[in-house]
Amino acid sequence: MKQVGAISFGDVWFFQELPMYLLPRTQMIAALAACGAVLVTALPSAAQSGRPNSTAMSCGQVQSMINQRGAVVLSTGRYTFDRYVANRSYCQHGEVTRRDYIPTKDNAKCYVLRCINPQPWRYD
């Protein structure tokens, strides 16, 4: 066998199976279950932190964010949220913009636009 350093190529099979020898099967299953539990508990908090909260920002910050991104889904309270847009081009076909006022850190009525369907009961 050709020697490279202190390890021969004939001993490579040992290193390929090394992780199975380090942990017995029951400990490996327990470790995977613990990792899964950590991921499951971390995911809901990550999903909730993804939406900006208007009550934590100033009115200028909210309006600037909407203008920069074009359309933003904002939390406006503990259990409320909506999609706000910069102009009508961010609405779906047939929708128009309507003025709305949301609470912010410095202003109880911050001016924003949101998309609405002007004829909600009309079916084509």
PDB file of N, CA and C in Angstrom:
ATOM      1  N   MET A   1       0.830  -1.181   0.000  1.00  0.00           N
ATOM      2  CA  MET A   1       0.000   0.000   0.000  1.00  0.00           C
ATOM      3  C   MET A   1       0.875   1.246   0.000  1.00  0.00           C
ATOM      4  N   LYS A   2       0.398   2.263  -0.693  1.00  0.00           N
ATOM      5  CA  LYS A   2       1.121   3.522  -0.748  1.00  0.00           C
ATOM      6  C   LYS A   2       0.776   4.326   0.498  1.00  0.00           C
ATOM      7  N   GLN A   3       1.760   4.803   1.185  1.00  0.00           N
ATOM      8  CA  GLN A   3       1.555   5.564   2.411  1.00  0.00           C
ATOM      9  C   GLN A   3       1.508   7.065   2.110  1.00  0.00           C
ATOM     10  N   VAL A   4       0.505   7.755   2.675  1.00  0.00           N
ATOM     11  CA  VAL A   4       0.422   9.210   2.598  1.00  0.00           C
ATOM     12  C   VAL A   4       0.346   9.683   4.040  1.00  0.00           C
ATOM     13  N   GLY A   5       1.382  10.309   4.496  1.00  0.00           N
ATOM     14  CA  GLY A   5       1.425  10.711   5.894  1.00  0.00           C
ATOM     15  C   GLY A   5       1.468   9.464   6.771  1.00  0.00           C
ATOM     16  N   ALA A   6       0.593   9.376   7.765  1.00  0.00           N
ATOM     17  CA  ALA A   6       0.548   8.216   8.646  1.00  0.00           C
ATOM     18  C   ALA A   6      -0.637   7.308   8.322  1.00  0.00           C
ATOM     19  N   ILE A   7      -1.437   7.657   7.286  1.00  0.00           N
ATOM     20  CA  ILE A   7      -2.636   6.898   6.961  1.00  0.00           C
ATOM     21  C   ILE A   7      -2.431   6.215   5.623  1.00  0.00           C
ATOM     22  N   SER A   8      -2.712   4.928   5.580  1.00  0.00           N
ATOM     23  CA  SER A   8      -2.617   4.210   4.313  1.00  0.00           C
ATOM     24  C   SER A   8      -3.991   4.211   3.644  1.00  0.00           C
ATOM     25  N   PHE A   9      -4.001   4.066   2.329  1.00  0.00           N
ATOM     26  CA  PHE A   9      -5.269   4.047   1.607  1.00  0.00           C
ATOM     27  C   PHE A   9      -6.085   2.801   1.920  1.00  0.00           C
ATOM     28  N   GLY A  10      -5.502   1.777   2.459  1.00  0.00           N
ATOM     29  CA  GLY A  10      -6.233   0.585   2.863  1.00  0.00           C
ATOM     30  C   GLY A  10      -7.080   0.830   4.095  1.00  0.00           C
ATOM     31  N   ASP A  11      -6.747   1.861   4.898  1.00  0.00           N
ATOM     32  CA  ASP A  11      -7.498   2.157   6.120  1.00  0.00           C
ATOM     33  C   ASP A  11      -8.623   3.165   5.905  1.00  0.00           C
ATOM     34  N   VAL A  12      -8.897   3.584   4.662  1.00  0.00           N
ATOM     35  CA  VAL A  12      -9.912   4.589   4.391  1.00  0.00           C
ATOM     36  C   VAL A  12     -11.300   4.081   4.758  1.00  0.00           C
ATOM     37  N   TRP A  13     -11.562   2.774   4.608  1.00  0.00           N
ATOM     38  CA  TRP A  13     -12.881   2.221   4.950  1.00  0.00           C
ATOM     39  C   TRP A  13     -13.250   2.513   6.392  1.00  0.00           C
ATOM     40  N   PHE A  14     -12.263   2.549   7.286  1.00  0.00           N
ATOM     41  CA  PHE A  14     -12.534   2.820   8.698  1.00  0.00           C
ATOM     42  C   PHE A  14     -13.081   4.241   8.897  1.00  0.00           C
ATOM     43  N   PHE A  15     -12.530   5.219   8.177  1.00  0.00           N
ATOM     44  CA  PHE A  15     -12.959   6.604   8.338  1.00  0.00           C
ATOM     45  C   PHE A  15     -14.314   6.859   7.694  1.00  0.00           C
ATOM     46  N   GLN A  16     -14.687   6.062   6.685  1.00  0.00           N
ATOM     47  CA  GLN A  16     -15.995   6.231   6.069  1.00  0.00           C
ATOM     48  C   GLN A  16     -17.108   5.785   7.002  1.00  0.00           C
ATOM     49  N   GLU A  17     -16.841   4.805   7.848  1.00  0.00           N
ATOM     50  CA  GLU A  17     -17.855   4.284   8.754  1.00  0.00           C
ATOM     51  C   GLU A  17     -17.680   4.791  10.176  1.00  0.00           C
ATOM     52  N   LEU A  18     -16.810   5.708  10.408  1.00  0.00           N
ATOM     53  CA  LEU A  18     -16.512   6.192  11.746  1.00  0.00           C
ATOM     54  C   LEU A  18     -17.719   6.770  12.477  1.00  0.00           C
ATOM     55  N   PRO A  19     -18.572   7.596  11.866  1.00  0.00           N
ATOM     56  CA  PRO A  19     -19.697   8.160  12.615  1.00  0.00           C
ATOM     57  C   PRO A  19     -20.645   7.109  13.174  1.00  0.00           C
ATOM     58  N   MET A  20     -20.841   5.991  12.509  1.00  0.00           N
ATOM     59  CA  MET A  20     -21.733   4.954  13.022  1.00  0.00           C
ATOM     60  C   MET A  20     -21.151   4.304  14.278  1.00  0.00           C
ATOM     61  N   TYR A  21     -19.826   4.242  14.372  1.00  0.00           N
ATOM     62  CA  TYR A  21     -19.209   3.635  15.543  1.00  0.00           C
ATOM     63  C   TYR A  21     -19.184   4.595  16.727  1.00  0.00           C
ATOM     64  N   LEU A  22     -19.253   5.891  16.474  1.00  0.00           N
ATOM     65  CA  LEU A  22     -19.177   6.854  17.569  1.00  0.00           C
ATOM     66  C   LEU A  22     -20.465   6.881  18.395  1.00  0.00           C
ATOM     67  N   LEU A  23     -21.620   6.846  17.736  1.00  0.00           N
ATOM     68  CA  LEU A  23     -22.890   6.902  18.447  1.00  0.00           C
ATOM     69  C   LEU A  23     -23.693   5.633  18.202  1.00  0.00           C
ATOM     70  N   PRO A  24     -24.179   5.003  19.263  1.00  0.00           N
ATOM     71  CA  PRO A  24     -25.098   3.893  19.064  1.00  0.00           C
ATOM     72  C   PRO A  24     -26.387   4.392  18.402  1.00  0.00           C
ATOM     73  N   ARG A  25     -27.138   3.486  17.805  1.00  0.00           N
ATOM     74  CA  ARG A  25     -28.335   3.841  17.046  1.00  0.00           C
ATOM     75  C   ARG A  25     -29.352   4.614  17.895  1.00  0.00           C
ATOM     76  N   THR A  26     -29.579   4.225  19.138  1.00  0.00           N
ATOM     77  CA  THR A  26     -30.568   4.909  19.981  1.00  0.00           C
ATOM     78  C   THR A  26     -30.144   6.340  20.291  1.00  0.00           C
ATOM     79  N   GLN A  27     -28.847   6.557  20.518  1.00  0.00           N
ATOM     80  CA  GLN A  27     -28.374   7.914  20.787  1.00  0.00           C
ATOM     81  C   GLN A  27     -28.469   8.782  19.539  1.00  0.00           C
ATOM     82  N   MET A  28     -28.242   8.194  18.353  1.00  0.00           N
ATOM     83  CA  MET A  28     -28.346   8.955  17.114  1.00  0.00           C
ATOM     84  C   MET A  28     -29.793   9.382  16.872  1.00  0.00           C
ATOM     85  N   ILE A  29     -30.739   8.489  17.139  1.00  0.00           N
ATOM     86  CA  ILE A  29     -32.153   8.819  16.972  1.00  0.00           C
ATOM     87  C   ILE A  29     -32.554   9.906  17.958  1.00  0.00           C
ATOM     88  N   ALA A  30     -32.076   9.815  19.191  1.00  0.00           N
ATOM     89  CA  ALA A  30     -32.388  10.835  20.188  1.00  0.00           C
ATOM     90  C   ALA A  30     -31.811  12.192  19.795  1.00  0.00           C
ATOM     91  N   ALA A  31     -30.600  12.198  19.234  1.00  0.00           N
ATOM     92  CA  ALA A  31     -29.984  13.456  18.810  1.00  0.00           C
ATOM     93  C   ALA A  31     -30.757  14.075  17.644  1.00  0.00           C
ATOM     94  N   LEU A  32     -31.185  13.256  16.689  1.00  0.00           N
ATOM     95  CA  LEU A  32     -31.988  13.777  15.577  1.00  0.00           C
ATOM     96  C   LEU A  32     -33.337  14.303  16.051  1.00  0.00           C
ATOM     97  N   ALA A  33     -33.958  13.625  17.003  1.00  0.00           N
ATOM     98  CA  ALA A  33     -35.236  14.087  17.546  1.00  0.00           C
ATOM     99  C   ALA A  33     -35.062  15.421  18.268  1.00  0.00           C
ATOM    100  N   ALA A  34     -33.968  15.583  18.987  1.00  0.00           N
ATOM    101  CA  ALA A  34     -33.715  16.852  19.684  1.00  0.00           C
ATOM    102  C   ALA A  34     -33.501  17.983  18.692  1.00  0.00           C
ATOM    103  N   CYS A  35     -32.778  17.711  17.605  1.00  0.00           N
ATOM    104  CA  CYS A  35     -32.579  18.740  16.574  1.00  0.00           C
ATOM    105  C   CYS A  35     -33.900  19.111  15.927  1.00  0.00           C
ATOM    106  N   GLY A  36     -34.746  18.129  15.680  1.00  0.00           N
ATOM    107  CA  GLY A  36     -36.060  18.400  15.102  1.00  0.00           C
ATOM    108  C   GLY A  36     -36.918  19.244  16.026  1.00  0.00           C
ATOM    109  N   ALA A  37     -36.876  18.959  17.325  1.00  0.00           N
ATOM    110  CA  ALA A  37     -37.655  19.738  18.289  1.00  0.00           C
ATOM    111  C   ALA A  37     -37.184  21.187  18.337  1.00  0.00           C
ATOM    112  N   VAL A  38     -35.883  21.395  18.263  1.00  0.00           N
ATOM    113  CA  VAL A  38     -35.344  22.761  18.265  1.00  0.00           C
ATOM    114  C   VAL A  38     -35.813  23.509  17.020  1.00  0.00           C
ATOM    115  N   LEU A  39     -35.780  22.861  15.858  1.00  0.00           N
ATOM    116  CA  LEU A  39     -36.222  23.510  14.626  1.00  0.00           C
ATOM    117  C   LEU A  39     -37.702  23.851  14.664  1.00  0.00           C
ATOM    118  N   VAL A  40     -38.521  22.948  15.192  1.00  0.00           N
ATOM    119  CA  VAL A  40     -39.966  23.186  15.239  1.00  0.00           C
ATOM    120  C   VAL A  40     -40.282  24.364  16.152  1.00  0.00           C
ATOM    121  N   THR A  41     -39.577  24.505  17.250  1.00  0.00           N
ATOM    122  CA  THR A  41     -39.847  25.628  18.144  1.00  0.00           C
ATOM    123  C   THR A  41     -39.294  26.944  17.609  1.00  0.00           C
ATOM    124  N   ALA A  42     -38.262  26.886  16.782  1.00  0.00           N
ATOM    125  CA  ALA A  42     -37.654  28.114  16.256  1.00  0.00           C
ATOM    126  C   ALA A  42     -38.411  28.650  15.049  1.00  0.00           C
ATOM    127  N   LEU A  43     -39.078  27.808  14.276  1.00  0.00           N
ATOM    128  CA  LEU A  43     -39.731  28.255  13.054  1.00  0.00           C
ATOM    129  C   LEU A  43     -40.881  29.235  13.275  1.00  0.00           C
ATOM    130  N   PRO A  44     -41.812  29.024  14.228  1.00  0.00           N
ATOM    131  CA  PRO A  44     -42.891  30.007  14.389  1.00  0.00           C
ATOM    132  C   PRO A  44     -42.398  31.401  14.744  1.00  0.00           C
ATOM    133  N   SER A  45     -41.373  31.503  15.565  1.00  0.00           N
ATOM    134  CA  SER A  45     -40.871  32.830  15.917  1.00  0.00           C
ATOM    135  C   SER A  45     -40.220  33.506  14.713  1.00  0.00           C
ATOM    136  N   ALA A  46     -39.577  32.737  13.866  1.00  0.00           N
ATOM    137  CA  ALA A  46     -38.966  33.308  12.668  1.00  0.00           C
ATOM    138  C   ALA A  46     -40.034  33.784  11.695  1.00  0.00           C
ATOM    139  N   ALA A  47     -41.124  33.060  11.595  1.00  0.00           N
ATOM    140  CA  ALA A  47     -42.197  33.460  10.689  1.00  0.00           C
ATOM    141  C   ALA A  47     -42.877  34.729  11.186  1.00  0.00           C
ATOM    142  N   GLN A  48     -43.032  34.875  12.480  1.00  0.00           N
ATOM    143  CA  GLN A  48     -43.688  36.051  13.019  1.00  0.00           C
ATOM    144  C   GLN A  48     -42.794  37.283  12.904  1.00  0.00           C
ATOM    145  N   SER A  49     -41.510  37.111  12.958  1.00  0.00           N
ATOM    146  CA  SER A  49     -40.619  38.265  12.907  1.00  0.00           C
ATOM    147  C   SER A  49     -40.410  38.773  11.486  1.00  0.00           C
ATOM    148  N   GLY A  50     -40.937  38.080  10.479  1.00  0.00           N
ATOM    149  CA  GLY A  50     -40.735  38.479   9.100  1.00  0.00           C
ATOM    150  C   GLY A  50     -41.580  39.657   8.656  1.00  0.00           C
ATOM    151  N   ARG A  51     -42.678  39.959   9.338  1.00  0.00           N
ATOM    152  CA  ARG A  51     -43.571  41.028   8.918  1.00  0.00           C
ATOM    153  C   ARG A  51     -43.294  42.289   9.744  1.00  0.00           C
ATOM    154  N   PRO A  52     -43.040  43.428   9.094  1.00  0.00           N
ATOM    155  CA  PRO A  52     -42.802  44.669   9.831  1.00  0.00           C
ATOM    156  C   PRO A  52     -44.047  45.108  10.602  1.00  0.00           C
ATOM    157  N   ASN A  53     -43.841  45.726  11.736  1.00  0.00           N
ATOM    158  CA  ASN A  53     -44.926  46.203  12.587  1.00  0.00           C
ATOM    159  C   ASN A  53     -44.987  47.723  12.500  1.00  0.00           C
ATOM    160  N   SER A  54     -46.135  48.250  12.074  1.00  0.00           N
ATOM    161  CA  SER A  54     -46.259  49.701  11.902  1.00  0.00           C
ATOM    162  C   SER A  54     -46.203  50.445  13.235  1.00  0.00           C
ATOM    163  N   THR A  55     -46.637  49.813  14.317  1.00  0.00           N
ATOM    164  CA  THR A  55     -46.648  50.502  15.607  1.00  0.00           C
ATOM    165  C   THR A  55     -45.248  50.650  16.205  1.00  0.00           C
ATOM    166  N   ALA A  56     -44.265  49.971  15.609  1.00  0.00           N
ATOM    167  CA  ALA A  56     -42.883  50.109  16.081  1.00  0.00           C
ATOM    168  C   ALA A  56     -42.083  51.091  15.236  1.00  0.00           C
ATOM    169  N   MET A  57     -42.711  51.662  14.193  1.00  0.00           N
ATOM    170  CA  MET A  57     -42.007  52.590  13.292  1.00  0.00           C
ATOM    171  C   MET A  57     -42.721  53.940  13.276  1.00  0.00           C
ATOM    172  N   SER A  58     -42.004  54.947  12.833  1.00  0.00           N
ATOM    173  CA  SER A  58     -42.630  56.261  12.669  1.00  0.00           C
ATOM    174  C   SER A  58     -43.417  56.271  11.364  1.00  0.00           C
ATOM    175  N   CYS A  59     -44.286  57.252  11.209  1.00  0.00           N
ATOM    176  CA  CYS A  59     -45.097  57.362   9.998  1.00  0.00           C
ATOM    177  C   CYS A  59     -44.206  57.539   8.767  1.00  0.00           C
ATOM    178  N   GLY A  60     -43.165  58.334   8.882  1.00  0.00           N
ATOM    179  CA  GLY A  60     -42.243  58.540   7.772  1.00  0.00           C
ATOM    180  C   GLY A  60     -41.526  57.260   7.364  1.00  0.00           C
ATOM    181  N   GLN A  61     -41.153  56.435   8.349  1.00  0.00           N
ATOM    182  CA  GLN A  61     -40.496  55.172   8.050  1.00  0.00           C
ATOM    183  C   GLN A  61     -41.438  54.222   7.318  1.00  0.00           C
ATOM    184  N   VAL A  62     -42.698  54.178   7.738  1.00  0.00           N
ATOM    185  CA  VAL A  62     -43.689  53.321   7.089  1.00  0.00           C
ATOM    186  C   VAL A  62     -43.902  53.761   5.649  1.00  0.00           C
ATOM    187  N   GLN A  63     -44.106  55.056   5.436  1.00  0.00           N
ATOM    188  CA  GLN A  63     -44.335  55.553   4.082  1.00  0.00           C
ATOM    189  C   GLN A  63     -43.103  55.349   3.200  1.00  0.00           C
ATOM    190  N   SER A  64     -41.917  55.530   3.750  1.00  0.00           N
ATOM    191  CA  SER A  64     -40.687  55.315   2.997  1.00  0.00           C
ATOM    192  C   SER A  64     -40.526  53.842   2.606  1.00  0.00           C
ATOM    193  N   MET A  65     -40.835  52.931   3.523  1.00  0.00           N
ATOM    194  CA  MET A  65     -40.739  51.500   3.228  1.00  0.00           C
ATOM    195  C   MET A  65     -41.708  51.108   2.115  1.00  0.00           C
ATOM    196  N   ILE A  66     -42.917  51.622   2.176  1.00  0.00           N
ATOM    197  CA  ILE A  66     -43.911  51.309   1.145  1.00  0.00           C
ATOM    198  C   ILE A  66     -43.460  51.853  -0.207  1.00  0.00           C
ATOM    199  N   ASN A  67     -42.941  53.081  -0.242  1.00  0.00           N
ATOM    200  CA  ASN A  67     -42.493  53.674  -1.501  1.00  0.00           C
ATOM    201  C   ASN A  67     -41.273  52.959  -2.071  1.00  0.00           C
ATOM    202  N   GLN A  68     -40.363  52.498  -1.226  1.00  0.00           N
ATOM    203  CA  GLN A  68     -39.166  51.802  -1.699  1.00  0.00           C
ATOM    204  C   GLN A  68     -39.492  50.419  -2.243  1.00  0.00           C
ATOM    205  N   ARG A  69     -40.354  49.681  -1.553  1.00  0.00           N
ATOM    206  CA  ARG A  69     -40.662  48.303  -1.948  1.00  0.00           C
ATOM    207  C   ARG A  69     -41.840  48.204  -2.912  1.00  0.00           C
ATOM    208  N   GLY A  70     -42.678  49.220  -2.959  1.00  0.00           N
ATOM    209  CA  GLY A  70     -43.843  49.192  -3.832  1.00  0.00           C
ATOM    210  C   GLY A  70     -45.069  48.628  -3.151  1.00  0.00           C
ATOM    211  N   ALA A  71     -44.941  47.503  -2.479  1.00  0.00           N
ATOM    212  CA  ALA A  71     -46.036  46.882  -1.745  1.00  0.00           C
ATOM    213  C   ALA A  71     -45.453  46.173  -0.530  1.00  0.00           C
ATOM    214  N   VAL A  72     -46.111  46.334   0.633  1.00  0.00           N
ATOM    215  CA  VAL A  72     -45.624  45.761   1.880  1.00  0.00           C
ATOM    216  C   VAL A  72     -46.804  45.241   2.689  1.00  0.00           C
ATOM    217  N   VAL A  73     -46.634  44.069   3.281  1.00  0.00           N
ATOM    218  CA  VAL A  73     -47.608  43.564   4.241  1.00  0.00           C
ATOM    219  C   VAL A  73     -47.128  44.011   5.613  1.00  0.00           C
ATOM    220  N   LEU A  74     -47.951  44.818   6.291  1.00  0.00           N
ATOM    221  CA  LEU A  74     -47.590  45.383   7.589  1.00  0.00           C
ATOM    222  C   LEU A  74     -48.534  44.889   8.670  1.00  0.00           C
ATOM    223  N   SER A  75     -47.973  44.577   9.838  1.00  0.00           N
ATOM    224  CA  SER A  75     -48.800  44.342  11.018  1.00  0.00           C
ATOM    225  C   SER A  75     -49.209  45.698  11.552  1.00  0.00           C
ATOM    226  N   THR A  76     -50.492  45.859  11.835  1.00  0.00           N
ATOM    227  CA  THR A  76     -50.977  47.131  12.366  1.00  0.00           C
ATOM    228  C   THR A  76     -51.452  46.994  13.801  1.00  0.00           C
ATOM    229  N   GLY A  77     -51.349  45.835  14.342  1.00  0.00           N
ATOM    230  CA  GLY A  77     -51.741  45.547  15.715  1.00  0.00           C
ATOM    231  C   GLY A  77     -51.303  44.145  16.052  1.00  0.00           C
ATOM    232  N   ARG A  78     -51.747  43.654  17.180  1.00  0.00           N
ATOM    233  CA  ARG A  78     -51.315  42.326  17.611  1.00  0.00           C
ATOM    234  C   ARG A  78     -51.824  41.228  16.680  1.00  0.00           C
ATOM    235  N   TYR A  79     -53.068  41.339  16.221  1.00  0.00           N
ATOM    236  CA  TYR A  79     -53.656  40.303  15.383  1.00  0.00           C
ATOM    237  C   TYR A  79     -54.118  40.824  14.025  1.00  0.00           C
ATOM    238  N   THR A  80     -53.716  42.016  13.633  1.00  0.00           N
ATOM    239  CA  THR A  80     -54.188  42.596  12.376  1.00  0.00           C
ATOM    240  C   THR A  80     -53.028  42.917  11.449  1.00  0.00           C
ATOM    241  N   PHE A  81     -53.287  42.752  10.150  1.00  0.00           N
ATOM    242  CA  PHE A  81     -52.291  43.087   9.136  1.00  0.00           C
ATOM    243  C   PHE A  81     -53.015  43.326   7.826  1.00  0.00           C
ATOM    244  N   ASP A  82     -52.342  44.005   6.904  1.00  0.00           N
ATOM    245  CA  ASP A  82     -52.888  44.240   5.571  1.00  0.00           C
ATOM    246  C   ASP A  82     -51.741  44.578   4.633  1.00  0.00           C
ATOM    247  N   ARG A  83     -52.062  44.604   3.362  1.00  0.00           N
ATOM    248  CA  ARG A  83     -51.066  44.912   2.322  1.00  0.00           C
ATOM    249  C   ARG A  83     -51.260  46.354   1.881  1.00  0.00           C
ATOM    250  N   TYR A  84     -50.204  47.125   1.930  1.00  0.00           N
ATOM    251  CA  TYR A  84     -50.244  48.540   1.558  1.00  0.00           C
ATOM    252  C   TYR A  84     -49.336  48.759   0.358  1.00  0.00           C
ATOM    253  N   VAL A  85     -49.746  49.660  -0.518  1.00  0.00           N
ATOM    254  CA  VAL A  85     -49.045  49.843  -1.796  1.00  0.00           C
ATOM    255  C   VAL A  85     -48.644  51.299  -1.994  1.00  0.00           C
ATOM    256  N   ALA A  86     -47.681  51.499  -2.898  1.00  0.00           N
ATOM    257  CA  ALA A  86     -47.220  52.849  -3.229  1.00  0.00           C
ATOM    258  C   ALA A  86     -48.151  53.509  -4.248  1.00  0.00           C
ATOM    259  N   ASN A  87     -48.671  52.721  -5.204  1.00  0.00           N
ATOM    260  CA  ASN A  87     -49.605  53.261  -6.197  1.00  0.00           C
ATOM    261  C   ASN A  87     -50.404  52.114  -6.811  1.00  0.00           C
ATOM    262  N   ARG A  88     -51.288  52.450  -7.744  1.00  0.00           N
ATOM    263  CA  ARG A  88     -52.213  51.465  -8.300  1.00  0.00           C
ATOM    264  C   ARG A  88     -51.525  50.380  -9.112  1.00  0.00           C
ATOM    265  N   SER A  89     -50.333  50.634  -9.601  1.00  0.00           N
ATOM    266  CA  SER A  89     -49.651  49.625 -10.403  1.00  0.00           C
ATOM    267  C   SER A  89     -49.308  48.366  -9.599  1.00  0.00           C
ATOM    268  N   TYR A  90     -49.366  48.424  -8.289  1.00  0.00           N
ATOM    269  CA  TYR A  90     -49.093  47.275  -7.438  1.00  0.00           C
ATOM    270  C   TYR A  90     -50.370  46.520  -7.058  1.00  0.00           C
ATOM    271  N   CYS A  91     -51.513  46.951  -7.590  1.00  0.00           N
ATOM    272  CA  CYS A  91     -52.788  46.270  -7.332  1.00  0.00           C
ATOM    273  C   CYS A  91     -53.050  45.244  -8.422  1.00  0.00           C
ATOM    274  N   GLN A  92     -53.957  44.318  -8.144  1.00  0.00           N
ATOM    275  CA  GLN A  92     -54.350  43.337  -9.147  1.00  0.00           C
ATOM    276  C   GLN A  92     -55.272  43.985 -10.168  1.00  0.00           C
ATOM    277  N   HIS A  93     -55.473  43.287 -11.283  1.00  0.00           N
ATOM    278  CA  HIS A  93     -56.344  43.785 -12.352  1.00  0.00           C
ATOM    279  C   HIS A  93     -57.751  44.014 -11.805  1.00  0.00           C
ATOM    280  N   GLY A  94     -58.289  45.190 -12.055  1.00  0.00           N
ATOM    281  CA  GLY A  94     -59.636  45.521 -11.600  1.00  0.00           C
ATOM    282  C   GLY A  94     -59.695  46.176 -10.237  1.00  0.00           C
ATOM    283  N   GLU A  95     -58.609  46.196  -9.514  1.00  0.00           N
ATOM    284  CA  GLU A  95     -58.595  46.833  -8.197  1.00  0.00           C
ATOM    285  C   GLU A  95     -58.179  48.293  -8.322  1.00  0.00           C
ATOM    286  N   VAL A  96     -58.582  49.078  -7.342  1.00  0.00           N
ATOM    287  CA  VAL A  96     -58.204  50.486  -7.258  1.00  0.00           C
ATOM    288  C   VAL A  96     -57.612  50.731  -5.876  1.00  0.00           C
ATOM    289  N   THR A  97     -56.970  51.892  -5.708  1.00  0.00           N
ATOM    290  CA  THR A  97     -56.411  52.221  -4.394  1.00  0.00           C
ATOM    291  C   THR A  97     -57.426  53.003  -3.588  1.00  0.00           C
ATOM    292  N   ARG A  98     -57.358  52.824  -2.313  1.00  0.00           N
ATOM    293  CA  ARG A  98     -58.205  53.557  -1.378  1.00  0.00           C
ATOM    294  C   ARG A  98     -57.325  54.056  -0.250  1.00  0.00           C
ATOM    295  N   ARG A  99     -57.605  55.275   0.199  1.00  0.00           N
ATOM    296  CA  ARG A  99     -56.868  55.845   1.333  1.00  0.00           C
ATOM    297  C   ARG A  99     -57.167  55.047   2.591  1.00  0.00           C
ATOM    298  N   ASP A 100     -56.144  54.886   3.393  1.00  0.00           N
ATOM    299  CA  ASP A 100     -56.316  54.216   4.675  1.00  0.00           C
ATOM    300  C   ASP A 100     -55.390  54.890   5.677  1.00  0.00           C
ATOM    301  N   TYR A 101     -55.695  54.726   6.919  1.00  0.00           N
ATOM    302  CA  TYR A 101     -54.898  55.314   7.989  1.00  0.00           C
ATOM    303  C   TYR A 101     -54.562  54.219   8.984  1.00  0.00           C
ATOM    304  N   ILE A 102     -53.279  54.062   9.280  1.00  0.00           N
ATOM    305  CA  ILE A 102     -52.844  53.027  10.207  1.00  0.00           C
ATOM    306  C   ILE A 102     -52.104  53.660  11.377  1.00  0.00           C
ATOM    307  N   PRO A 103     -52.087  52.964  12.525  1.00  0.00           N
ATOM    308  CA  PRO A 103     -51.363  53.511  13.682  1.00  0.00           C
ATOM    309  C   PRO A 103     -49.856  53.294  13.546  1.00  0.00           C
ATOM    310  N   THR A 104     -49.100  54.309  13.920  1.00  0.00           N
ATOM    311  CA  THR A 104     -47.645  54.205  13.965  1.00  0.00           C
ATOM    312  C   THR A 104     -47.163  54.678  15.326  1.00  0.00           C
ATOM    313  N   LYS A 105     -45.861  54.646  15.524  1.00  0.00           N
ATOM    314  CA  LYS A 105     -45.303  55.028  16.824  1.00  0.00           C
ATOM    315  C   LYS A 105     -45.563  56.500  17.143  1.00  0.00           C
ATOM    316  N   ASP A 106     -45.511  57.357  16.132  1.00  0.00           N
ATOM    317  CA  ASP A 106     -45.640  58.792  16.378  1.00  0.00           C
ATOM    318  C   ASP A 106     -46.964  59.393  15.911  1.00  0.00           C
ATOM    319  N   ASN A 107     -47.795  58.615  15.216  1.00  0.00           N
ATOM    320  CA  ASN A 107     -49.030  59.160  14.659  1.00  0.00           C
ATOM    321  C   ASN A 107     -50.114  58.085  14.695  1.00  0.00           C
ATOM    322  N   ALA A 108     -51.256  58.400  15.270  1.00  0.00           N
ATOM    323  CA  ALA A 108     -52.350  57.427  15.347  1.00  0.00           C
ATOM    324  C   ALA A 108     -53.019  57.216  14.000  1.00  0.00           C
ATOM    325  N   LYS A 109     -52.875  58.177  13.084  1.00  0.00           N
ATOM    326  CA  LYS A 109     -53.484  58.066  11.760  1.00  0.00           C
ATOM    327  C   LYS A 109     -52.461  58.425  10.690  1.00  0.00           C
ATOM    328  N   CYS A 110     -51.683  57.433  10.277  1.00  0.00           N
ATOM    329  CA  CYS A 110     -50.679  57.629   9.244  1.00  0.00           C
ATOM    330  C   CYS A 110     -51.299  57.273   7.897  1.00  0.00           C
ATOM    331  N   TYR A 111     -51.182  58.157   6.921  1.00  0.00           N
ATOM    332  CA  TYR A 111     -51.795  58.000   5.605  1.00  0.00           C
ATOM    333  C   TYR A 111     -51.040  56.971   4.763  1.00  0.00           C
ATOM    334  N   VAL A 112     -51.782  55.953   4.271  1.00  0.00           N
ATOM    335  CA  VAL A 112     -51.235  54.940   3.358  1.00  0.00           C
ATOM    336  C   VAL A 112     -52.309  54.586   2.333  1.00  0.00           C
ATOM    337  N   LEU A 113     -51.919  53.830   1.305  1.00  0.00           N
ATOM    338  CA  LEU A 113     -52.853  53.350   0.289  1.00  0.00           C
ATOM    339  C   LEU A 113     -52.934  51.837   0.340  1.00  0.00           C
ATOM    340  N   ARG A 114     -54.123  51.306   0.077  1.00  0.00           N
ATOM    341  CA  ARG A 114     -54.264  49.863  -0.052  1.00  0.00           C
ATOM    342  C   ARG A 114     -55.190  49.559  -1.221  1.00  0.00           C
ATOM    343  N   CYS A 115     -55.107  48.363  -1.747  1.00  0.00           N
ATOM    344  CA  CYS A 115     -55.905  47.957  -2.907  1.00  0.00           C
ATOM    345  C   CYS A 115     -57.251  47.415  -2.446  1.00  0.00           C
ATOM    346  N   ILE A 116     -58.301  47.800  -3.176  1.00  0.00           N
ATOM    347  CA  ILE A 116     -59.628  47.253  -2.909  1.00  0.00           C
ATOM    348  C   ILE A 116     -60.295  46.919  -4.240  1.00  0.00           C
ATOM    349  N   ASN A 117     -61.277  46.063  -4.189  1.00  0.00           N
ATOM    350  CA  ASN A 117     -62.089  45.746  -5.347  1.00  0.00           C
ATOM    351  C   ASN A 117     -63.302  46.676  -5.320  1.00  0.00           C
ATOM    352  N   PRO A 118     -63.490  47.540  -6.315  1.00  0.00           N
ATOM    353  CA  PRO A 118     -64.591  48.506  -6.256  1.00  0.00           C
ATOM    354  C   PRO A 118     -65.975  47.858  -6.400  1.00  0.00           C
ATOM    355  N   GLN A 119     -66.050  46.677  -6.983  1.00  0.00           N
ATOM    356  CA  GLN A 119     -67.316  45.986  -7.148  1.00  0.00           C
ATOM    357  C   GLN A 119     -67.168  44.563  -6.599  1.00  0.00           C
ATOM    358  N   PRO A 120     -67.199  44.390  -5.295  1.00  0.00           N
ATOM    359  CA  PRO A 120     -66.892  43.072  -4.718  1.00  0.00           C
ATOM    360  C   PRO A 120     -67.935  42.003  -5.025  1.00  0.00           C
ATOM    361  N   TRP A 121     -69.161  42.376  -5.374  1.00  0.00           N
ATOM    362  CA  TRP A 121     -70.219  41.367  -5.572  1.00  0.00           C
ATOM    363  C   TRP A 121     -70.543  41.127  -7.039  1.00  0.00           C
ATOM    364  N   ARG A 122     -69.759  41.710  -7.921  1.00  0.00           N
ATOM    365  CA  ARG A 122     -70.014  41.518  -9.348  1.00  0.00           C
ATOM    366  C   ARG A 122     -69.248  40.307  -9.849  1.00  0.00           C
ATOM    367  N   TYR A 123     -69.966  39.385 -10.470  1.00  0.00           N
ATOM    368  CA  TYR A 123     -69.346  38.181 -11.041  1.00  0.00           C
ATOM    369  C   TYR A 123     -69.468  38.213 -12.544  1.00  0.00           C
ATOM    370  N   ASP A 124     -68.394  37.961 -13.231  1.00  0.00           N
ATOM    371  CA  ASP A 124     -68.424  37.954 -14.705  1.00  0.00           C
ATOM    372  C   ASP A 124     -68.589  36.550 -15.222  1.00  0.00           C
TER     373      ASP A 124
END
